[in-house]
């Protein structure tokens, strides 16, 4: 297998949060991103639903409510892992 390097720009807070999630799942960020890319290649689609509600269709920024719903969904996925998403969410909200 030939590998290639790719540089991408992501929000620093999002990167740290993703690293915490992947660490709880027993992997690093690079492995998590590679899993995502393999899923896209195998399924020939983005492996989750993408949609625009009325607010995001007229404003490309994601609403605070959409972010909250996404965070709650992630909390359900990670139930039982050692990450305290309520504390993480509170710290992120307070830091803004």
PDB file of N, CA and C in Angstrom:
ATOM      1  N   UNK A   1       0.843  -1.185   0.000  1.00  0.00           N
ATOM      2  CA  UNK A   1       0.000   0.000   0.000  1.00  0.00           C
ATOM      3  C   UNK A   1       0.883   1.242   0.000  1.00  0.00           C
ATOM      4  N   UNK A   2       0.643   2.110  -0.941  1.00  0.00           N
ATOM      5  CA  UNK A   2       1.352   3.376  -1.009  1.00  0.00           C
ATOM      6  C   UNK A   2       0.573   4.415  -0.212  1.00  0.00           C
ATOM      7  N   UNK A   3       1.273   5.209   0.572  1.00  0.00           N
ATOM      8  CA  UNK A   3       0.608   6.250   1.356  1.00  0.00           C
ATOM      9  C   UNK A   3       0.990   7.619   0.822  1.00  0.00           C
ATOM     10  N   UNK A   4       0.206   8.594   1.168  1.00  0.00           N
ATOM     11  CA  UNK A   4       0.484   9.979   0.779  1.00  0.00           C
ATOM     12  C   UNK A   4       0.198  10.881   1.965  1.00  0.00           C
ATOM     13  N   UNK A   5       0.868  11.989   2.021  1.00  0.00           N
ATOM     14  CA  UNK A   5       0.618  12.984   3.061  1.00  0.00           C
ATOM     15  C   UNK A   5      -0.371  14.007   2.535  1.00  0.00           C
ATOM     16  N   UNK A   6      -1.229  14.490   3.417  1.00  0.00           N
ATOM     17  CA  UNK A   6      -2.215  15.496   3.055  1.00  0.00           C
ATOM     18  C   UNK A   6      -2.339  16.457   4.230  1.00  0.00           C
ATOM     19  N   UNK A   7      -2.305  17.734   3.950  1.00  0.00           N
ATOM     20  CA  UNK A   7      -2.432  18.752   4.984  1.00  0.00           C
ATOM     21  C   UNK A   7      -3.827  19.344   4.915  1.00  0.00           C
ATOM     22  N   UNK A   8      -4.490  19.463   6.069  1.00  0.00           N
ATOM     23  CA  UNK A   8      -5.797  20.091   6.097  1.00  0.00           C
ATOM     24  C   UNK A   8      -5.867  21.060   7.263  1.00  0.00           C
ATOM     25  N   UNK A   9      -6.759  22.014   7.135  1.00  0.00           N
ATOM     26  CA  UNK A   9      -6.942  23.028   8.176  1.00  0.00           C
ATOM     27  C   UNK A   9      -8.260  22.748   8.873  1.00  0.00           C
ATOM     28  N   UNK A  10      -8.187  22.634  10.193  1.00  0.00           N
ATOM     29  CA  UNK A  10      -9.387  22.401  10.987  1.00  0.00           C
ATOM     30  C   UNK A  10      -9.324  23.285  12.230  1.00  0.00           C
ATOM     31  N   UNK A  11     -10.477  23.556  12.776  1.00  0.00           N
ATOM     32  CA  UNK A  11     -10.558  24.336  14.003  1.00  0.00           C
ATOM     33  C   UNK A  11      -9.805  23.609  15.107  1.00  0.00           C
ATOM     34  N   UNK A  12      -9.004  24.324  15.862  1.00  0.00           N
ATOM     35  CA  UNK A  12      -8.174  23.722  16.904  1.00  0.00           C
ATOM     36  C   UNK A  12      -9.007  23.009  17.977  1.00  0.00           C
ATOM     37  N   UNK A  13     -10.123  23.628  18.374  1.00  0.00           N
ATOM     38  CA  UNK A  13     -10.992  23.022  19.387  1.00  0.00           C
ATOM     39  C   UNK A  13     -11.608  21.727  18.841  1.00  0.00           C
ATOM     40  N   UNK A  14     -12.077  21.763  17.594  1.00  0.00           N
ATOM     41  CA  UNK A  14     -12.649  20.553  16.980  1.00  0.00           C
ATOM     42  C   UNK A  14     -11.610  19.438  16.908  1.00  0.00           C
ATOM     43  N   UNK A  15     -10.378  19.792  16.575  1.00  0.00           N
ATOM     44  CA  UNK A  15      -9.294  18.793  16.500  1.00  0.00           C
ATOM     45  C   UNK A  15      -9.071  18.152  17.867  1.00  0.00           C
ATOM     46  N   UNK A  16      -8.985  18.964  18.911  1.00  0.00           N
ATOM     47  CA  UNK A  16      -8.766  18.419  20.261  1.00  0.00           C
ATOM     48  C   UNK A  16      -9.925  17.512  20.677  1.00  0.00           C
ATOM     49  N   UNK A  17     -11.157  17.935  20.376  1.00  0.00           N
ATOM     50  CA  UNK A  17     -12.315  17.116  20.739  1.00  0.00           C
ATOM     51  C   UNK A  17     -12.301  15.796  19.981  1.00  0.00           C
ATOM     52  N   UNK A  18     -11.974  15.845  18.690  1.00  0.00           N
ATOM     53  CA  UNK A  18     -11.892  14.619  17.894  1.00  0.00           C
ATOM     54  C   UNK A  18     -10.793  13.709  18.437  1.00  0.00           C
ATOM     55  N   UNK A  19      -9.662  14.273  18.808  1.00  0.00           N
ATOM     56  CA  UNK A  19      -8.577  13.475  19.375  1.00  0.00           C
ATOM     57  C   UNK A  19      -9.023  12.770  20.656  1.00  0.00           C
ATOM     58  N   UNK A  20      -9.786  13.466  21.496  1.00  0.00           N
ATOM     59  CA  UNK A  20     -10.294  12.847  22.731  1.00  0.00           C
ATOM     60  C   UNK A  20     -11.223  11.680  22.419  1.00  0.00           C
ATOM     61  N   UNK A  21     -12.099  11.876  21.447  1.00  0.00           N
ATOM     62  CA  UNK A  21     -13.037  10.811  21.068  1.00  0.00           C
ATOM     63  C   UNK A  21     -12.268   9.611  20.533  1.00  0.00           C
ATOM     64  N   UNK A  22     -11.368   9.863  19.585  1.00  0.00           N
ATOM     65  CA  UNK A  22     -10.609   8.758  19.010  1.00  0.00           C
ATOM     66  C   UNK A  22      -9.757   8.054  20.057  1.00  0.00           C
ATOM     67  N   UNK A  23      -9.183   8.815  20.977  1.00  0.00           N
ATOM     68  CA  UNK A  23      -8.383   8.204  22.042  1.00  0.00           C
ATOM     69  C   UNK A  23      -9.255   7.270  22.892  1.00  0.00           C
ATOM     70  N   UNK A  24     -10.475   7.711  23.210  1.00  0.00           N
ATOM     71  CA  UNK A  24     -11.393   6.872  23.992  1.00  0.00           C
ATOM     72  C   UNK A  24     -11.751   5.598  23.232  1.00  0.00           C
ATOM     73  N   UNK A  25     -11.708   5.685  21.907  1.00  0.00           N
ATOM     74  CA  UNK A  25     -12.001   4.518  21.069  1.00  0.00           C
ATOM     75  C   UNK A  25     -10.749   3.698  20.769  1.00  0.00           C
ATOM     76  N   UNK A  26      -9.604   4.112  21.310  1.00  0.00           N
ATOM     77  CA  UNK A  26      -8.370   3.348  21.163  1.00  0.00           C
ATOM     78  C   UNK A  26      -7.584   3.648  19.904  1.00  0.00           C
ATOM     79  N   UNK A  27      -7.734   4.850  19.364  1.00  0.00           N
ATOM     80  CA  UNK A  27      -6.992   5.193  18.146  1.00  0.00           C
ATOM     81  C   UNK A  27      -6.566   6.648  18.188  1.00  0.00           C
ATOM     82  N   UNK A  28      -5.707   7.016  17.246  1.00  0.00           N
ATOM     83  CA  UNK A  28      -5.289   8.414  17.159  1.00  0.00           C
ATOM     84  C   UNK A  28      -6.075   9.122  16.055  1.00  0.00           C
ATOM     85  N   UNK A  29      -5.850  10.413  15.895  1.00  0.00           N
ATOM     86  CA  UNK A  29      -6.574  11.219  14.922  1.00  0.00           C
ATOM     87  C   UNK A  29      -6.355  10.714  13.498  1.00  0.00           C
ATOM     88  N   UNK A  30      -5.124  10.386  13.165  1.00  0.00           N
ATOM     89  CA  UNK A  30      -4.817   9.903  11.819  1.00  0.00           C
ATOM     90  C   UNK A  30      -5.606   8.636  11.483  1.00  0.00           C
ATOM     91  N   UNK A  31      -5.678   7.708  12.422  1.00  0.00           N
ATOM     92  CA  UNK A  31      -6.436   6.476  12.208  1.00  0.00           C
ATOM     93  C   UNK A  31      -7.919   6.786  12.039  1.00  0.00           C
ATOM     94  N   UNK A  32      -8.459   7.677  12.867  1.00  0.00           N
ATOM     95  CA  UNK A  32      -9.865   8.052  12.767  1.00  0.00           C
ATOM     96  C   UNK A  32     -10.190   8.670  11.413  1.00  0.00           C
ATOM     97  N   UNK A  33      -9.332   9.559  10.941  1.00  0.00           N
ATOM     98  CA  UNK A  33      -9.552  10.177   9.632  1.00  0.00           C
ATOM     99  C   UNK A  33      -9.448   9.130   8.529  1.00  0.00           C
ATOM    100  N   UNK A  34      -8.488   8.212   8.647  1.00  0.00           N
ATOM    101  CA  UNK A  34      -8.358   7.149   7.648  1.00  0.00           C
ATOM    102  C   UNK A  34      -9.585   6.240   7.628  1.00  0.00           C
ATOM    103  N   UNK A  35     -10.167   5.954   8.783  1.00  0.00           N
ATOM    104  CA  UNK A  35     -11.392   5.152   8.839  1.00  0.00           C
ATOM    105  C   UNK A  35     -12.511   5.871   8.089  1.00  0.00           C
ATOM    106  N   UNK A  36     -12.616   7.175   8.306  1.00  0.00           N
ATOM    107  CA  UNK A  36     -13.638   7.965   7.613  1.00  0.00           C
ATOM    108  C   UNK A  36     -13.430   7.894   6.093  1.00  0.00           C
ATOM    109  N   UNK A  37     -12.204   8.101   5.637  1.00  0.00           N
ATOM    110  CA  UNK A  37     -11.918   8.085   4.200  1.00  0.00           C
ATOM    111  C   UNK A  37     -12.201   6.710   3.605  1.00  0.00           C
ATOM    112  N   UNK A  38     -11.845   5.637   4.329  1.00  0.00           N
ATOM    113  CA  UNK A  38     -12.145   4.291   3.841  1.00  0.00           C
ATOM    114  C   UNK A  38     -13.652   4.056   3.754  1.00  0.00           C
ATOM    115  N   UNK A  39     -14.405   4.570   4.737  1.00  0.00           N
ATOM    116  CA  UNK A  39     -15.862   4.420   4.703  1.00  0.00           C
ATOM    117  C   UNK A  39     -16.445   5.146   3.489  1.00  0.00           C
ATOM    118  N   UNK A  40     -15.955   6.336   3.195  1.00  0.00           N
ATOM    119  CA  UNK A  40     -16.413   7.084   2.020  1.00  0.00           C
ATOM    120  C   UNK A  40     -16.104   6.288   0.751  1.00  0.00           C
ATOM    121  N   UNK A  41     -14.902   5.762   0.658  1.00  0.00           N
ATOM    122  CA  UNK A  41     -14.507   4.999  -0.529  1.00  0.00           C
ATOM    123  C   UNK A  41     -15.344   3.743  -0.702  1.00  0.00           C
ATOM    124  N   UNK A  42     -15.543   2.996   0.376  1.00  0.00           N
ATOM    125  CA  UNK A  42     -16.288   1.737   0.294  1.00  0.00           C
ATOM    126  C   UNK A  42     -17.773   1.954   0.038  1.00  0.00           C
ATOM    127  N   UNK A  43     -18.363   2.930   0.739  1.00  0.00           N
ATOM    128  CA  UNK A  43     -19.804   3.163   0.628  1.00  0.00           C
ATOM    129  C   UNK A  43     -20.153   4.077  -0.546  1.00  0.00           C
ATOM    130  N   UNK A  44     -19.133   4.751  -1.091  1.00  0.00           N
ATOM    131  CA  UNK A  44     -19.312   5.699  -2.202  1.00  0.00           C
ATOM    132  C   UNK A  44     -20.304   6.798  -1.836  1.00  0.00           C
ATOM    133  N   UNK A  45     -20.245   7.224  -0.568  1.00  0.00           N
ATOM    134  CA  UNK A  45     -21.076   8.310  -0.054  1.00  0.00           C
ATOM    135  C   UNK A  45     -20.480   8.787   1.259  1.00  0.00           C
ATOM    136  N   UNK A  46     -20.942   9.924   1.748  1.00  0.00           N
ATOM    137  CA  UNK A  46     -20.568  10.381   3.080  1.00  0.00           C
ATOM    138  C   UNK A  46     -21.302   9.464   4.059  1.00  0.00           C
ATOM    139  N   UNK A  47     -20.620   8.866   5.020  1.00  0.00           N
ATOM    140  CA  UNK A  47     -21.241   7.837   5.872  1.00  0.00           C
ATOM    141  C   UNK A  47     -22.158   8.361   6.982  1.00  0.00           C
ATOM    142  N   UNK A  48     -22.783   9.488   6.776  1.00  0.00           N
ATOM    143  CA  UNK A  48     -23.788  10.011   7.694  1.00  0.00           C
ATOM    144  C   UNK A  48     -24.669  10.971   6.902  1.00  0.00           C
ATOM    145  N   UNK A  49     -25.841  11.284   7.448  1.00  0.00           N
ATOM    146  CA  UNK A  49     -26.776  12.158   6.746  1.00  0.00           C
ATOM    147  C   UNK A  49     -26.320  13.604   6.791  1.00  0.00           C
ATOM    148  N   UNK A  50     -26.441  14.265   5.663  1.00  0.00           N
ATOM    149  CA  UNK A  50     -26.178  15.703   5.567  1.00  0.00           C
ATOM    150  C   UNK A  50     -27.454  16.370   5.092  1.00  0.00           C
ATOM    151  N   UNK A  51     -27.864  17.419   5.777  1.00  0.00           N
ATOM    152  CA  UNK A  51     -29.030  18.159   5.325  1.00  0.00           C
ATOM    153  C   UNK A  51     -28.924  19.605   5.777  1.00  0.00           C
ATOM    154  N   UNK A  52     -29.722  20.429   5.183  1.00  0.00           N
ATOM    155  CA  UNK A  52     -29.773  21.843   5.546  1.00  0.00           C
ATOM    156  C   UNK A  52     -31.166  22.148   6.040  1.00  0.00           C
ATOM    157  N   UNK A  53     -31.256  22.690   7.248  1.00  0.00           N
ATOM    158  CA  UNK A  53     -32.572  23.168   7.674  1.00  0.00           C
ATOM    159  C   UNK A  53     -32.746  24.572   7.116  1.00  0.00           C
ATOM    160  N   UNK A  54     -33.881  25.166   7.320  1.00  0.00           N
ATOM    161  CA  UNK A  54     -34.168  26.476   6.724  1.00  0.00           C
ATOM    162  C   UNK A  54     -33.139  27.527   7.139  1.00  0.00           C
ATOM    163  N   UNK A  55     -32.734  27.502   8.395  1.00  0.00           N
ATOM    164  CA  UNK A  55     -31.791  28.513   8.874  1.00  0.00           C
ATOM    165  C   UNK A  55     -30.426  28.342   8.212  1.00  0.00           C
ATOM    166  N   UNK A  56     -29.898  27.119   8.165  1.00  0.00           N
ATOM    167  CA  UNK A  56     -28.569  26.935   7.585  1.00  0.00           C
ATOM    168  C   UNK A  56     -28.590  27.058   6.076  1.00  0.00           C
ATOM    169  N   UNK A  57     -29.744  26.874   5.443  1.00  0.00           N
ATOM    170  CA  UNK A  57     -29.829  27.054   3.994  1.00  0.00           C
ATOM    171  C   UNK A  57     -29.666  28.521   3.630  1.00  0.00           C
ATOM    172  N   UNK A  58     -30.140  29.423   4.495  1.00  0.00           N
ATOM    173  CA  UNK A  58     -30.018  30.848   4.209  1.00  0.00           C
ATOM    174  C   UNK A  58     -28.775  31.449   4.846  1.00  0.00           C
ATOM    175  N   UNK A  59     -28.212  30.755   5.797  1.00  0.00           N
ATOM    176  CA  UNK A  59     -27.015  31.220   6.486  1.00  0.00           C
ATOM    177  C   UNK A  59     -26.085  30.022   6.598  1.00  0.00           C
ATOM    178  N   UNK A  60     -24.934  30.043   5.956  1.00  0.00           N
ATOM    179  CA  UNK A  60     -24.077  28.870   5.901  1.00  0.00           C
ATOM    180  C   UNK A  60     -23.456  28.514   7.246  1.00  0.00           C
ATOM    181  N   UNK A  61     -23.557  29.378   8.216  1.00  0.00           N
ATOM    182  CA  UNK A  61     -23.042  29.047   9.551  1.00  0.00           C
ATOM    183  C   UNK A  61     -24.034  28.131  10.263  1.00  0.00           C
ATOM    184  N   UNK A  62     -23.527  27.154  10.957  1.00  0.00           N
ATOM    185  CA  UNK A  62     -24.382  26.215  11.679  1.00  0.00           C
ATOM    186  C   UNK A  62     -24.892  26.893  12.953  1.00  0.00           C
ATOM    187  N   UNK A  63     -26.174  26.736  13.200  1.00  0.00           N
ATOM    188  CA  UNK A  63     -26.778  27.378  14.367  1.00  0.00           C
ATOM    189  C   UNK A  63     -26.296  26.708  15.655  1.00  0.00           C
ATOM    190  N   UNK A  64     -26.416  27.435  16.744  1.00  0.00           N
ATOM    191  CA  UNK A  64     -26.064  26.910  18.062  1.00  0.00           C
ATOM    192  C   UNK A  64     -26.911  25.683  18.388  1.00  0.00           C
ATOM    193  N   UNK A  65     -28.208  25.691  17.986  1.00  0.00           N
ATOM    194  CA  UNK A  65     -29.102  24.546  18.234  1.00  0.00           C
ATOM    195  C   UNK A  65     -28.633  23.315  17.468  1.00  0.00           C
ATOM    196  N   UNK A  66     -28.196  23.505  16.212  1.00  0.00           N
ATOM    197  CA  UNK A  66     -27.688  22.385  15.432  1.00  0.00           C
ATOM    198  C   UNK A  66     -26.427  21.805  16.074  1.00  0.00           C
ATOM    199  N   UNK A  67     -25.558  22.686  16.553  1.00  0.00           N
ATOM    200  CA  UNK A  67     -24.350  22.212  17.227  1.00  0.00           C
ATOM    201  C   UNK A  67     -24.717  21.415  18.480  1.00  0.00           C
ATOM    202  N   UNK A  68     -25.689  21.920  19.232  1.00  0.00           N
ATOM    203  CA  UNK A  68     -26.126  21.238  20.454  1.00  0.00           C
ATOM    204  C   UNK A  68     -26.695  19.854  20.127  1.00  0.00           C
ATOM    205  N   UNK A  69     -27.535  19.764  19.082  1.00  0.00           N
ATOM    206  CA  UNK A  69     -28.096  18.467  18.688  1.00  0.00           C
ATOM    207  C   UNK A  69     -26.998  17.500  18.273  1.00  0.00           C
ATOM    208  N   UNK A  70     -26.012  17.987  17.540  1.00  0.00           N
ATOM    209  CA  UNK A  70     -24.895  17.140  17.120  1.00  0.00           C
ATOM    210  C   UNK A  70     -24.122  16.643  18.332  1.00  0.00           C
ATOM    211  N   UNK A  71     -23.899  17.548  19.296  1.00  0.00           N
ATOM    212  CA  UNK A  71     -23.164  17.179  20.502  1.00  0.00           C
ATOM    213  C   UNK A  71     -23.939  16.133  21.302  1.00  0.00           C
ATOM    214  N   UNK A  72     -25.262  16.274  21.378  1.00  0.00           N
ATOM    215  CA  UNK A  72     -26.091  15.296  22.085  1.00  0.00           C
ATOM    216  C   UNK A  72     -26.047  13.939  21.385  1.00  0.00           C
ATOM    217  N   UNK A  73     -26.072  13.940  20.056  1.00  0.00           N
ATOM    218  CA  UNK A  73     -25.992  12.686  19.304  1.00  0.00           C
ATOM    219  C   UNK A  73     -24.650  12.003  19.560  1.00  0.00           C
ATOM    220  N   UNK A  74     -23.582  12.782  19.590  1.00  0.00           N
ATOM    221  CA  UNK A  74     -22.265  12.223  19.876  1.00  0.00           C
ATOM    222  C   UNK A  74     -22.228  11.654  21.287  1.00  0.00           C
ATOM    223  N   UNK A  75     -22.894  12.320  22.218  1.00  0.00           N
ATOM    224  CA  UNK A  75     -22.965  11.809  23.592  1.00  0.00           C
ATOM    225  C   UNK A  75     -23.605  10.440  23.642  1.00  0.00           C
ATOM    226  N   UNK A  76     -24.658  10.221  22.849  1.00  0.00           N
ATOM    227  CA  UNK A  76     -25.302   8.911  22.796  1.00  0.00           C
ATOM    228  C   UNK A  76     -24.387   7.853  22.216  1.00  0.00           C
ATOM    229  N   UNK A  77     -23.616   8.213  21.200  1.00  0.00           N
ATOM    230  CA  UNK A  77     -22.687   7.270  20.581  1.00  0.00           C
ATOM    231  C   UNK A  77     -21.601   6.866  21.567  1.00  0.00           C
ATOM    232  N   UNK A  78     -21.154   7.812  22.388  1.00  0.00           N
ATOM    233  CA  UNK A  78     -20.035   7.561  23.295  1.00  0.00           C
ATOM    234  C   UNK A  78     -20.468   7.141  24.695  1.00  0.00           C
ATOM    235  N   UNK A  79     -21.754   6.884  24.890  1.00  0.00           N
ATOM    236  CA  UNK A  79     -22.242   6.494  26.218  1.00  0.00           C
ATOM    237  C   UNK A  79     -21.396   5.339  26.750  1.00  0.00           C
ATOM    238  N   UNK A  80     -20.941   5.478  27.972  1.00  0.00           N
ATOM    239  CA  UNK A  80     -20.131   4.443  28.593  1.00  0.00           C
ATOM    240  C   UNK A  80     -18.636   4.663  28.457  1.00  0.00           C
ATOM    241  N   UNK A  81     -18.231   5.610  27.615  1.00  0.00           N
ATOM    242  CA  UNK A  81     -16.805   5.922  27.502  1.00  0.00           C
ATOM    243  C   UNK A  81     -16.447   6.933  28.576  1.00  0.00           C
ATOM    244  N   UNK A  82     -15.163   7.094  28.832  1.00  0.00           N
ATOM    245  CA  UNK A  82     -14.733   7.934  29.931  1.00  0.00           C
ATOM    246  C   UNK A  82     -14.774   9.433  29.644  1.00  0.00           C
ATOM    247  N   UNK A  83     -15.230   9.838  28.485  1.00  0.00           N
ATOM    248  CA  UNK A  83     -15.316  11.258  28.157  1.00  0.00           C
ATOM    249  C   UNK A  83     -16.605  11.825  28.746  1.00  0.00           C
ATOM    250  N   UNK A  84     -16.498  12.927  29.474  1.00  0.00           N
ATOM    251  CA  UNK A  84     -17.672  13.587  30.039  1.00  0.00           C
ATOM    252  C   UNK A  84     -18.071  14.707  29.085  1.00  0.00           C
ATOM    253  N   UNK A  85     -19.016  14.408  28.177  1.00  0.00           N
ATOM    254  CA  UNK A  85     -19.392  15.379  27.158  1.00  0.00           C
ATOM    255  C   UNK A  85     -20.094  16.585  27.738  1.00  0.00           C
ATOM    256  N   UNK A  86     -20.842  16.413  28.829  1.00  0.00           N
ATOM    257  CA  UNK A  86     -21.489  17.566  29.447  1.00  0.00           C
ATOM    258  C   UNK A  86     -20.447  18.561  29.925  1.00  0.00           C
ATOM    259  N   UNK A  87     -19.396  18.068  30.547  1.00  0.00           N
ATOM    260  CA  UNK A  87     -18.320  18.938  31.022  1.00  0.00           C
ATOM    261  C   UNK A  87     -17.597  19.574  29.838  1.00  0.00           C
ATOM    262  N   UNK A  88     -17.317  18.766  28.787  1.00  0.00           N
ATOM    263  CA  UNK A  88     -16.658  19.290  27.592  1.00  0.00           C
ATOM    264  C   UNK A  88     -17.490  20.395  26.958  1.00  0.00           C
ATOM    265  N   UNK A  89     -18.807  20.180  26.826  1.00  0.00           N
ATOM    266  CA  UNK A  89     -19.698  21.162  26.214  1.00  0.00           C
ATOM    267  C   UNK A  89     -19.712  22.439  27.056  1.00  0.00           C
ATOM    268  N   UNK A  90     -19.807  22.295  28.380  1.00  0.00           N
ATOM    269  CA  UNK A  90     -19.849  23.450  29.259  1.00  0.00           C
ATOM    270  C   UNK A  90     -18.567  24.257  29.143  1.00  0.00           C
ATOM    271  N   UNK A  91     -17.414  23.573  29.114  1.00  0.00           N
ATOM    272  CA  UNK A  91     -16.143  24.275  28.981  1.00  0.00           C
ATOM    273  C   UNK A  91     -16.051  24.999  27.653  1.00  0.00           C
ATOM    274  N   UNK A  92     -16.547  24.353  26.590  1.00  0.00           N
ATOM    275  CA  UNK A  92     -16.480  24.993  25.270  1.00  0.00           C
ATOM    276  C   UNK A  92     -17.390  26.217  25.210  1.00  0.00           C
ATOM    277  N   UNK A  93     -18.586  26.116  25.755  1.00  0.00           N
ATOM    278  CA  UNK A  93     -19.512  27.238  25.750  1.00  0.00           C
ATOM    279  C   UNK A  93     -18.946  28.394  26.570  1.00  0.00           C
ATOM    280  N   UNK A  94     -18.367  28.081  27.736  1.00  0.00           N
ATOM    281  CA  UNK A  94     -17.821  29.129  28.596  1.00  0.00           C
ATOM    282  C   UNK A  94     -16.610  29.801  27.985  1.00  0.00           C
ATOM    283  N   UNK A  95     -15.876  29.084  27.126  1.00  0.00           N
ATOM    284  CA  UNK A  95     -14.664  29.654  26.530  1.00  0.00           C
ATOM    285  C   UNK A  95     -14.973  30.598  25.379  1.00  0.00           C
ATOM    286  N   UNK A  96     -16.239  30.657  24.928  1.00  0.00           N
ATOM    287  CA  UNK A  96     -16.583  31.528  23.788  1.00  0.00           C
ATOM    288  C   UNK A  96     -16.934  32.911  24.238  1.00  0.00           C
TER     289      UNK A  96
END
